[in-house]
Amino acid sequence: MEATLSSKNQATIPKQVRQYLNLKPGDRFKFFLQPDGAVVILPKVKVSKLKGSVPKLDRPRPVSIEEMNAAIEAGAAERVRR
């Protein structure tokens, strides 16, 4: 697939790419320049669309600050022992 840059510096995104990215008129997207010279195009996703995209953990209750601190201490102690 390819596109041509117009005299107004505009290009039309090929239909296959629009469909693949699920882009609709008015949607916004971002360009990311990669060190190898590649350019990545990703659609901007509303935060509300992300709801439910990460599975919930089977935890009976939230972890307390004290439990978090104890886990951090245990992890740090384990690193020192190695």
PDB file of N, CA and C in Angstrom:
ATOM      1  N   MET A   1       0.843  -1.180   0.000  1.00  0.00           N
ATOM      2  CA  MET A   1       0.000   0.000   0.000  1.00  0.00           C
ATOM      3  C   MET A   1       0.882   1.235   0.000  1.00  0.00           C
ATOM      4  N   GLU A   2       0.408   2.261  -0.631  1.00  0.00           N
ATOM      5  CA  GLU A   2       1.137   3.526  -0.616  1.00  0.00           C
ATOM      6  C   GLU A   2       0.159   4.675  -0.766  1.00  0.00           C
ATOM      7  N   ALA A   3       0.643   5.854  -0.443  1.00  0.00           N
ATOM      8  CA  ALA A   3      -0.156   7.072  -0.570  1.00  0.00           C
ATOM      9  C   ALA A   3       0.741   8.143  -1.176  1.00  0.00           C
ATOM     10  N   THR A   4       0.123   9.185  -1.690  1.00  0.00           N
ATOM     11  CA  THR A   4       0.853  10.301  -2.284  1.00  0.00           C
ATOM     12  C   THR A   4       0.610  11.548  -1.459  1.00  0.00           C
ATOM     13  N   LEU A   5       1.658  12.322  -1.240  1.00  0.00           N
ATOM     14  CA  LEU A   5       1.545  13.573  -0.516  1.00  0.00           C
ATOM     15  C   LEU A   5       1.083  14.655  -1.488  1.00  0.00           C
ATOM     16  N   SER A   6       0.010  15.358  -1.136  1.00  0.00           N
ATOM     17  CA  SER A   6      -0.533  16.395  -2.012  1.00  0.00           C
ATOM     18  C   SER A   6       0.278  17.687  -1.890  1.00  0.00           C
ATOM     19  N   SER A   7      -0.046  18.658  -2.721  1.00  0.00           N
ATOM     20  CA  SER A   7       0.633  19.956  -2.658  1.00  0.00           C
ATOM     21  C   SER A   7       0.347  20.678  -1.343  1.00  0.00           C
ATOM     22  N   LYS A   8      -0.712  20.255  -0.637  1.00  0.00           N
ATOM     23  CA  LYS A   8      -1.046  20.824   0.677  1.00  0.00           C
ATOM     24  C   LYS A   8      -0.452  19.979   1.811  1.00  0.00           C
ATOM     25  N   ASN A   9       0.488  19.103   1.462  1.00  0.00           N
ATOM     26  CA  ASN A   9       1.125  18.209   2.438  1.00  0.00           C
ATOM     27  C   ASN A   9       0.124  17.311   3.148  1.00  0.00           C
ATOM     28  N   GLN A  10      -0.857  16.809   2.416  1.00  0.00           N
ATOM     29  CA  GLN A  10      -1.852  15.902   2.977  1.00  0.00           C
ATOM     30  C   GLN A  10      -1.769  14.574   2.234  1.00  0.00           C
ATOM     31  N   ALA A  11      -2.097  13.508   2.942  1.00  0.00           N
ATOM     32  CA  ALA A  11      -2.129  12.181   2.337  1.00  0.00           C
ATOM     33  C   ALA A  11      -3.399  11.476   2.783  1.00  0.00           C
ATOM     34  N   THR A  12      -3.911  10.608   1.941  1.00  0.00           N
ATOM     35  CA  THR A  12      -5.080   9.811   2.285  1.00  0.00           C
ATOM     36  C   THR A  12      -4.590   8.471   2.822  1.00  0.00           C
ATOM     37  N   ILE A  13      -5.092   8.079   3.974  1.00  0.00           N
ATOM     38  CA  ILE A  13      -4.721   6.791   4.551  1.00  0.00           C
ATOM     39  C   ILE A  13      -5.464   5.713   3.764  1.00  0.00           C
ATOM     40  N   PRO A  14      -4.741   4.725   3.241  1.00  0.00           N
ATOM     41  CA  PRO A  14      -5.392   3.671   2.465  1.00  0.00           C
ATOM     42  C   PRO A  14      -6.516   2.983   3.243  1.00  0.00           C
ATOM     43  N   LYS A  15      -7.547   2.568   2.536  1.00  0.00           N
ATOM     44  CA  LYS A  15      -8.734   1.974   3.139  1.00  0.00           C
ATOM     45  C   LYS A  15      -8.387   0.779   4.028  1.00  0.00           C
ATOM     46  N   GLN A  16      -7.488  -0.084   3.564  1.00  0.00           N
ATOM     47  CA  GLN A  16      -7.102  -1.259   4.353  1.00  0.00           C
ATOM     48  C   GLN A  16      -6.519  -0.856   5.705  1.00  0.00           C
ATOM     49  N   VAL A  17      -5.719   0.207   5.731  1.00  0.00           N
ATOM     50  CA  VAL A  17      -5.116   0.686   6.982  1.00  0.00           C
ATOM     51  C   VAL A  17      -6.194   1.282   7.869  1.00  0.00           C
ATOM     52  N   ARG A  18      -7.089   2.084   7.292  1.00  0.00           N
ATOM     53  CA  ARG A  18      -8.192   2.674   8.078  1.00  0.00           C
ATOM     54  C   ARG A  18      -9.037   1.582   8.714  1.00  0.00           C
ATOM     55  N   GLN A  19      -9.327   0.547   7.954  1.00  0.00           N
ATOM     56  CA  GLN A  19     -10.137  -0.554   8.488  1.00  0.00           C
ATOM     57  C   GLN A  19      -9.384  -1.305   9.576  1.00  0.00           C
ATOM     58  N   TYR A  20      -8.102  -1.556   9.347  1.00  0.00           N
ATOM     59  CA  TYR A  20      -7.288  -2.283  10.320  1.00  0.00           C
ATOM     60  C   TYR A  20      -7.214  -1.531  11.645  1.00  0.00           C
ATOM     61  N   LEU A  21      -7.046  -0.203  11.583  1.00  0.00           N
ATOM     62  CA  LEU A  21      -6.962   0.626  12.791  1.00  0.00           C
ATOM     63  C   LEU A  21      -8.334   1.059  13.295  1.00  0.00           C
ATOM     64  N   ASN A  22      -9.382   0.676  12.562  1.00  0.00           N
ATOM     65  CA  ASN A  22     -10.762   1.053  12.906  1.00  0.00           C
ATOM     66  C   ASN A  22     -10.905   2.575  13.000  1.00  0.00           C
ATOM     67  N   LEU A  23     -10.306   3.284  12.041  1.00  0.00           N
ATOM     68  CA  LEU A  23     -10.377   4.745  12.015  1.00  0.00           C
ATOM     69  C   LEU A  23     -11.646   5.203  11.311  1.00  0.00           C
ATOM     70  N   LYS A  24     -12.286   6.179  11.894  1.00  0.00           N
ATOM     71  CA  LYS A  24     -13.491   6.781  11.326  1.00  0.00           C
ATOM     72  C   LYS A  24     -13.229   8.270  11.127  1.00  0.00           C
ATOM     73  N   PRO A  25     -14.017   8.941  10.278  1.00  0.00           N
ATOM     74  CA  PRO A  25     -13.828  10.384  10.088  1.00  0.00           C
ATOM     75  C   PRO A  25     -13.867  11.119  11.430  1.00  0.00           C
ATOM     76  N   GLY A  26     -12.889  11.988  11.634  1.00  0.00           N
ATOM     77  CA  GLY A  26     -12.812  12.762  12.875  1.00  0.00           C
ATOM     78  C   GLY A  26     -11.947  12.123  13.944  1.00  0.00           C
ATOM     79  N   ASP A  27     -11.594  10.826  13.769  1.00  0.00           N
ATOM     80  CA  ASP A  27     -10.731  10.171  14.751  1.00  0.00           C
ATOM     81  C   ASP A  27      -9.346  10.807  14.729  1.00  0.00           C
ATOM     82  N   ARG A  28      -8.687  10.759  15.865  1.00  0.00           N
ATOM     83  CA  ARG A  28      -7.327  11.285  15.964  1.00  0.00           C
ATOM     84  C   ARG A  28      -6.377  10.103  16.096  1.00  0.00           C
ATOM     85  N   PHE A  29      -5.152  10.299  15.654  1.00  0.00           N
ATOM     86  CA  PHE A  29      -4.151   9.261  15.781  1.00  0.00           C
ATOM     87  C   PHE A  29      -2.800   9.912  15.973  1.00  0.00           C
ATOM     88  N   LYS A  30      -1.839   9.115  16.431  1.00  0.00           N
ATOM     89  CA  LYS A  30      -0.503   9.625  16.736  1.00  0.00           C
ATOM     90  C   LYS A  30       0.522   8.930  15.859  1.00  0.00           C
ATOM     91  N   PHE A  31       1.623   9.656  15.590  1.00  0.00           N
ATOM     92  CA  PHE A  31       2.760   9.116  14.864  1.00  0.00           C
ATOM     93  C   PHE A  31       3.907   8.951  15.845  1.00  0.00           C
ATOM     94  N   PHE A  32       4.593   7.819  15.791  1.00  0.00           N
ATOM     95  CA  PHE A  32       5.759   7.567  16.621  1.00  0.00           C
ATOM     96  C   PHE A  32       6.936   7.264  15.711  1.00  0.00           C
ATOM     97  N   LEU A  33       8.009   8.051  15.839  1.00  0.00           N
ATOM     98  CA  LEU A  33       9.207   7.852  15.037  1.00  0.00           C
ATOM     99  C   LEU A  33      10.109   6.863  15.756  1.00  0.00           C
ATOM    100  N   GLN A  34      10.494   5.797  15.066  1.00  0.00           N
ATOM    101  CA  GLN A  34      11.328   4.753  15.643  1.00  0.00           C
ATOM    102  C   GLN A  34      12.801   4.979  15.287  1.00  0.00           C
ATOM    103  N   PRO A  35      13.717   4.529  16.149  1.00  0.00           N
ATOM    104  CA  PRO A  35      15.150   4.726  15.889  1.00  0.00           C
ATOM    105  C   PRO A  35      15.614   4.121  14.561  1.00  0.00           C
ATOM    106  N   ASP A  36      14.938   3.065  14.097  1.00  0.00           N
ATOM    107  CA  ASP A  36      15.351   2.426  12.847  1.00  0.00           C
ATOM    108  C   ASP A  36      14.801   3.131  11.607  1.00  0.00           C
ATOM    109  N   GLY A  37      14.100   4.266  11.810  1.00  0.00           N
ATOM    110  CA  GLY A  37      13.556   5.018  10.689  1.00  0.00           C
ATOM    111  C   GLY A  37      12.095   4.709  10.379  1.00  0.00           C
ATOM    112  N   ALA A  38      11.543   3.701  11.019  1.00  0.00           N
ATOM    113  CA  ALA A  38      10.137   3.351  10.806  1.00  0.00           C
ATOM    114  C   ALA A  38       9.237   4.372  11.499  1.00  0.00           C
ATOM    115  N   VAL A  39       8.026   4.510  10.990  1.00  0.00           N
ATOM    116  CA  VAL A  39       7.022   5.378  11.599  1.00  0.00           C
ATOM    117  C   VAL A  39       5.826   4.505  11.962  1.00  0.00           C
ATOM    118  N   VAL A  40       5.384   4.606  13.203  1.00  0.00           N
ATOM    119  CA  VAL A  40       4.247   3.831  13.685  1.00  0.00           C
ATOM    120  C   VAL A  40       3.064   4.774  13.839  1.00  0.00           C
ATOM    121  N   ILE A  41       1.901   4.360  13.336  1.00  0.00           N
ATOM    122  CA  ILE A  41       0.672   5.146  13.479  1.00  0.00           C
ATOM    123  C   ILE A  41      -0.262   4.370  14.396  1.00  0.00           C
ATOM    124  N   LEU A  42      -0.702   5.012  15.479  1.00  0.00           N
ATOM    125  CA  LEU A  42      -1.643   4.381  16.395  1.00  0.00           C
ATOM    126  C   LEU A  42      -2.815   5.313  16.645  1.00  0.00           C
ATOM    127  N   PRO A  43      -4.019   4.771  16.651  1.00  0.00           N
ATOM    128  CA  PRO A  43      -5.180   5.612  16.956  1.00  0.00           C
ATOM    129  C   PRO A  43      -5.169   6.007  18.418  1.00  0.00           C
ATOM    130  N   LYS A  44      -5.631   7.234  18.713  1.00  0.00           N
ATOM    131  CA  LYS A  44      -5.792   7.646  20.107  1.00  0.00           C
ATOM    132  C   LYS A  44      -7.051   6.953  20.614  1.00  0.00           C
ATOM    133  N   VAL A  45      -6.950   6.360  21.769  1.00  0.00           N
ATOM    134  CA  VAL A  45      -8.079   5.618  22.333  1.00  0.00           C
ATOM    135  C   VAL A  45      -8.573   6.361  23.557  1.00  0.00           C
ATOM    136  N   LYS A  46      -9.893   6.572  23.616  1.00  0.00           N
ATOM    137  CA  LYS A  46     -10.474   7.212  24.791  1.00  0.00           C
ATOM    138  C   LYS A  46     -10.315   6.281  25.984  1.00  0.00           C
ATOM    139  N   VAL A  47     -10.024   6.845  27.131  1.00  0.00           N
ATOM    140  CA  VAL A  47      -9.826   6.055  28.339  1.00  0.00           C
ATOM    141  C   VAL A  47     -11.056   5.196  28.625  1.00  0.00           C
ATOM    142  N   SER A  48     -12.231   5.727  28.349  1.00  0.00           N
ATOM    143  CA  SER A  48     -13.460   4.982  28.626  1.00  0.00           C
ATOM    144  C   SER A  48     -13.527   3.681  27.822  1.00  0.00           C
ATOM    145  N   LYS A  49     -12.864   3.625  26.666  1.00  0.00           N
ATOM    146  CA  LYS A  49     -12.867   2.402  25.855  1.00  0.00           C
ATOM    147  C   LYS A  49     -11.965   1.332  26.458  1.00  0.00           C
ATOM    148  N   LEU A  50     -11.065   1.721  27.363  1.00  0.00           N
ATOM    149  CA  LEU A  50     -10.143   0.768  27.972  1.00  0.00           C
ATOM    150  C   LEU A  50     -10.767   0.012  29.138  1.00  0.00           C
ATOM    151  N   LYS A  51     -11.901   0.493  29.636  1.00  0.00           N
ATOM    152  CA  LYS A  51     -12.535  -0.146  30.788  1.00  0.00           C
ATOM    153  C   LYS A  51     -12.821  -1.610  30.472  1.00  0.00           C
ATOM    154  N   GLY A  52     -12.366  -2.469  31.356  1.00  0.00           N
ATOM    155  CA  GLY A  52     -12.594  -3.900  31.194  1.00  0.00           C
ATOM    156  C   GLY A  52     -11.547  -4.599  30.336  1.00  0.00           C
ATOM    157  N   SER A  53     -10.564  -3.868  29.814  1.00  0.00           N
ATOM    158  CA  SER A  53      -9.567  -4.496  28.948  1.00  0.00           C
ATOM    159  C   SER A  53      -8.516  -5.270  29.738  1.00  0.00           C
ATOM    160  N   VAL A  54      -8.406  -4.992  31.034  1.00  0.00           N
ATOM    161  CA  VAL A  54      -7.473  -5.719  31.892  1.00  0.00           C
ATOM    162  C   VAL A  54      -8.302  -6.596  32.824  1.00  0.00           C
ATOM    163  N   PRO A  55      -8.028  -7.901  32.826  1.00  0.00           N
ATOM    164  CA  PRO A  55      -8.840  -8.773  33.680  1.00  0.00           C
ATOM    165  C   PRO A  55      -8.639  -8.467  35.153  1.00  0.00           C
ATOM    166  N   LYS A  56      -9.704  -8.630  35.925  1.00  0.00           N
ATOM    167  CA  LYS A  56      -9.618  -8.402  37.370  1.00  0.00           C
ATOM    168  C   LYS A  56      -8.891  -9.562  38.019  1.00  0.00           C
ATOM    169  N   LEU A  57      -8.118  -9.250  39.056  1.00  0.00           N
ATOM    170  CA  LEU A  57      -7.426 -10.281  39.816  1.00  0.00           C
ATOM    171  C   LEU A  57      -8.407 -10.925  40.781  1.00  0.00           C
ATOM    172  N   ASP A  58      -8.177 -12.177  41.060  1.00  0.00           N
ATOM    173  CA  ASP A  58      -9.034 -12.879  42.019  1.00  0.00           C
ATOM    174  C   ASP A  58      -8.505 -12.637  43.426  1.00  0.00           C
ATOM    175  N   ARG A  59      -8.594 -11.396  43.878  1.00  0.00           N
ATOM    176  CA  ARG A  59      -8.164 -11.034  45.226  1.00  0.00           C
ATOM    177  C   ARG A  59      -9.408 -10.805  46.069  1.00  0.00           C
ATOM    178  N   PRO A  60      -9.411 -11.369  47.258  1.00  0.00           N
ATOM    179  CA  PRO A  60     -10.569 -11.168  48.116  1.00  0.00           C
ATOM    180  C   PRO A  60     -10.653  -9.759  48.692  1.00  0.00           C
ATOM    181  N   ARG A  61      -9.496  -9.074  48.788  1.00  0.00           N
ATOM    182  CA  ARG A  61      -9.510  -7.727  49.357  1.00  0.00           C
ATOM    183  C   ARG A  61      -8.310  -6.941  48.827  1.00  0.00           C
ATOM    184  N   PRO A  62      -8.336  -5.625  48.964  1.00  0.00           N
ATOM    185  CA  PRO A  62      -7.181  -4.819  48.561  1.00  0.00           C
ATOM    186  C   PRO A  62      -5.985  -5.089  49.477  1.00  0.00           C
ATOM    187  N   VAL A  63      -4.800  -4.825  48.973  1.00  0.00           N
ATOM    188  CA  VAL A  63      -3.579  -5.005  49.761  1.00  0.00           C
ATOM    189  C   VAL A  63      -3.312  -3.709  50.519  1.00  0.00           C
ATOM    190  N   SER A  64      -2.962  -3.845  51.795  1.00  0.00           N
ATOM    191  CA  SER A  64      -2.709  -2.661  52.623  1.00  0.00           C
ATOM    192  C   SER A  64      -1.310  -2.111  52.345  1.00  0.00           C
ATOM    193  N   ILE A  65      -1.086  -0.874  52.771  1.00  0.00           N
ATOM    194  CA  ILE A  65       0.231  -0.238  52.634  1.00  0.00           C
ATOM    195  C   ILE A  65       1.272  -1.053  53.396  1.00  0.00           C
ATOM    196  N   GLU A  66       0.896  -1.540  54.569  1.00  0.00           N
ATOM    197  CA  GLU A  66       1.828  -2.328  55.375  1.00  0.00           C
ATOM    198  C   GLU A  66       2.238  -3.596  54.632  1.00  0.00           C
ATOM    199  N   GLU A  67       1.273  -4.260  53.991  1.00  0.00           N
ATOM    200  CA  GLU A  67       1.582  -5.475  53.228  1.00  0.00           C
ATOM    201  C   GLU A  67       2.481  -5.152  52.032  1.00  0.00           C
ATOM    202  N   MET A  68       2.226  -4.007  51.388  1.00  0.00           N
ATOM    203  CA  MET A  68       3.075  -3.590  50.266  1.00  0.00           C
ATOM    204  C   MET A  68       4.500  -3.348  50.745  1.00  0.00           C
ATOM    205  N   ASN A  69       4.645  -2.621  51.867  1.00  0.00           N
ATOM    206  CA  ASN A  69       5.978  -2.342  52.411  1.00  0.00           C
ATOM    207  C   ASN A  69       6.697  -3.626  52.793  1.00  0.00           C
ATOM    208  N   ALA A  70       5.978  -4.587  53.383  1.00  0.00           N
ATOM    209  CA  ALA A  70       6.586  -5.865  53.762  1.00  0.00           C
ATOM    210  C   ALA A  70       7.066  -6.616  52.515  1.00  0.00           C
ATOM    211  N   ALA A  71       6.280  -6.592  51.445  1.00  0.00           N
ATOM    212  CA  ALA A  71       6.671  -7.258  50.202  1.00  0.00           C
ATOM    213  C   ALA A  71       7.900  -6.587  49.589  1.00  0.00           C
ATOM    214  N   ILE A  72       7.963  -5.279  49.656  1.00  0.00           N
ATOM    215  CA  ILE A  72       9.128  -4.542  49.135  1.00  0.00           C
ATOM    216  C   ILE A  72      10.368  -4.907  49.935  1.00  0.00           C
ATOM    217  N   GLU A  73      10.235  -4.942  51.266  1.00  0.00           N
ATOM    218  CA  GLU A  73      11.362  -5.308  52.126  1.00  0.00           C
ATOM    219  C   GLU A  73      11.838  -6.724  51.814  1.00  0.00           C
ATOM    220  N   ALA A  74      10.897  -7.650  51.674  1.00  0.00           N
ATOM    221  CA  ALA A  74      11.255  -9.041  51.394  1.00  0.00           C
ATOM    222  C   ALA A  74      11.981  -9.141  50.052  1.00  0.00           C
ATOM    223  N   GLY A  75      11.506  -8.426  49.051  1.00  0.00           N
ATOM    224  CA  GLY A  75      12.148  -8.434  47.739  1.00  0.00           C
ATOM    225  C   GLY A  75      13.542  -7.847  47.790  1.00  0.00           C
ATOM    226  N   ALA A  76      13.716  -6.754  48.529  1.00  0.00           N
ATOM    227  CA  ALA A  76      15.025  -6.121  48.659  1.00  0.00           C
ATOM    228  C   ALA A  76      15.978  -7.047  49.407  1.00  0.00           C
ATOM    229  N   ALA A  77      15.515  -7.689  50.459  1.00  0.00           N
ATOM    230  CA  ALA A  77      16.352  -8.609  51.225  1.00  0.00           C
ATOM    231  C   ALA A  77      16.774  -9.779  50.355  1.00  0.00           C
ATOM    232  N   GLU A  78      15.879 -10.273  49.532  1.00  0.00           N
ATOM    233  CA  GLU A  78      16.196 -11.391  48.626  1.00  0.00           C
ATOM    234  C   GLU A  78      17.281 -10.990  47.638  1.00  0.00           C
ATOM    235  N   ARG A  79      17.216  -9.767  47.131  1.00  0.00           N
ATOM    236  CA  ARG A  79      18.240  -9.288  46.194  1.00  0.00           C
ATOM    237  C   ARG A  79      19.610  -9.201  46.855  1.00  0.00           C
ATOM    238  N   VAL A  80      19.640  -8.757  48.121  1.00  0.00           N
ATOM    239  CA  VAL A  80      20.909  -8.601  48.837  1.00  0.00           C
ATOM    240  C   VAL A  80      21.524  -9.981  49.077  1.00  0.00           C
ATOM    241  N   ARG A  81      20.686 -10.977  49.361  1.00  0.00           N
ATOM    242  CA  ARG A  81      21.168 -12.338  49.637  1.00  0.00           C
ATOM    243  C   ARG A  81      21.808 -12.971  48.402  1.00  0.00           C
ATOM    244  N   ARG A  82      21.378 -12.570  47.207  1.00  0.00           N
ATOM    245  CA  ARG A  82      21.931 -13.159  45.982  1.00  0.00           C
ATOM    246  C   ARG A  82      23.267 -12.635  45.773  1.00  0.00           C
TER     247      ARG A  82
END
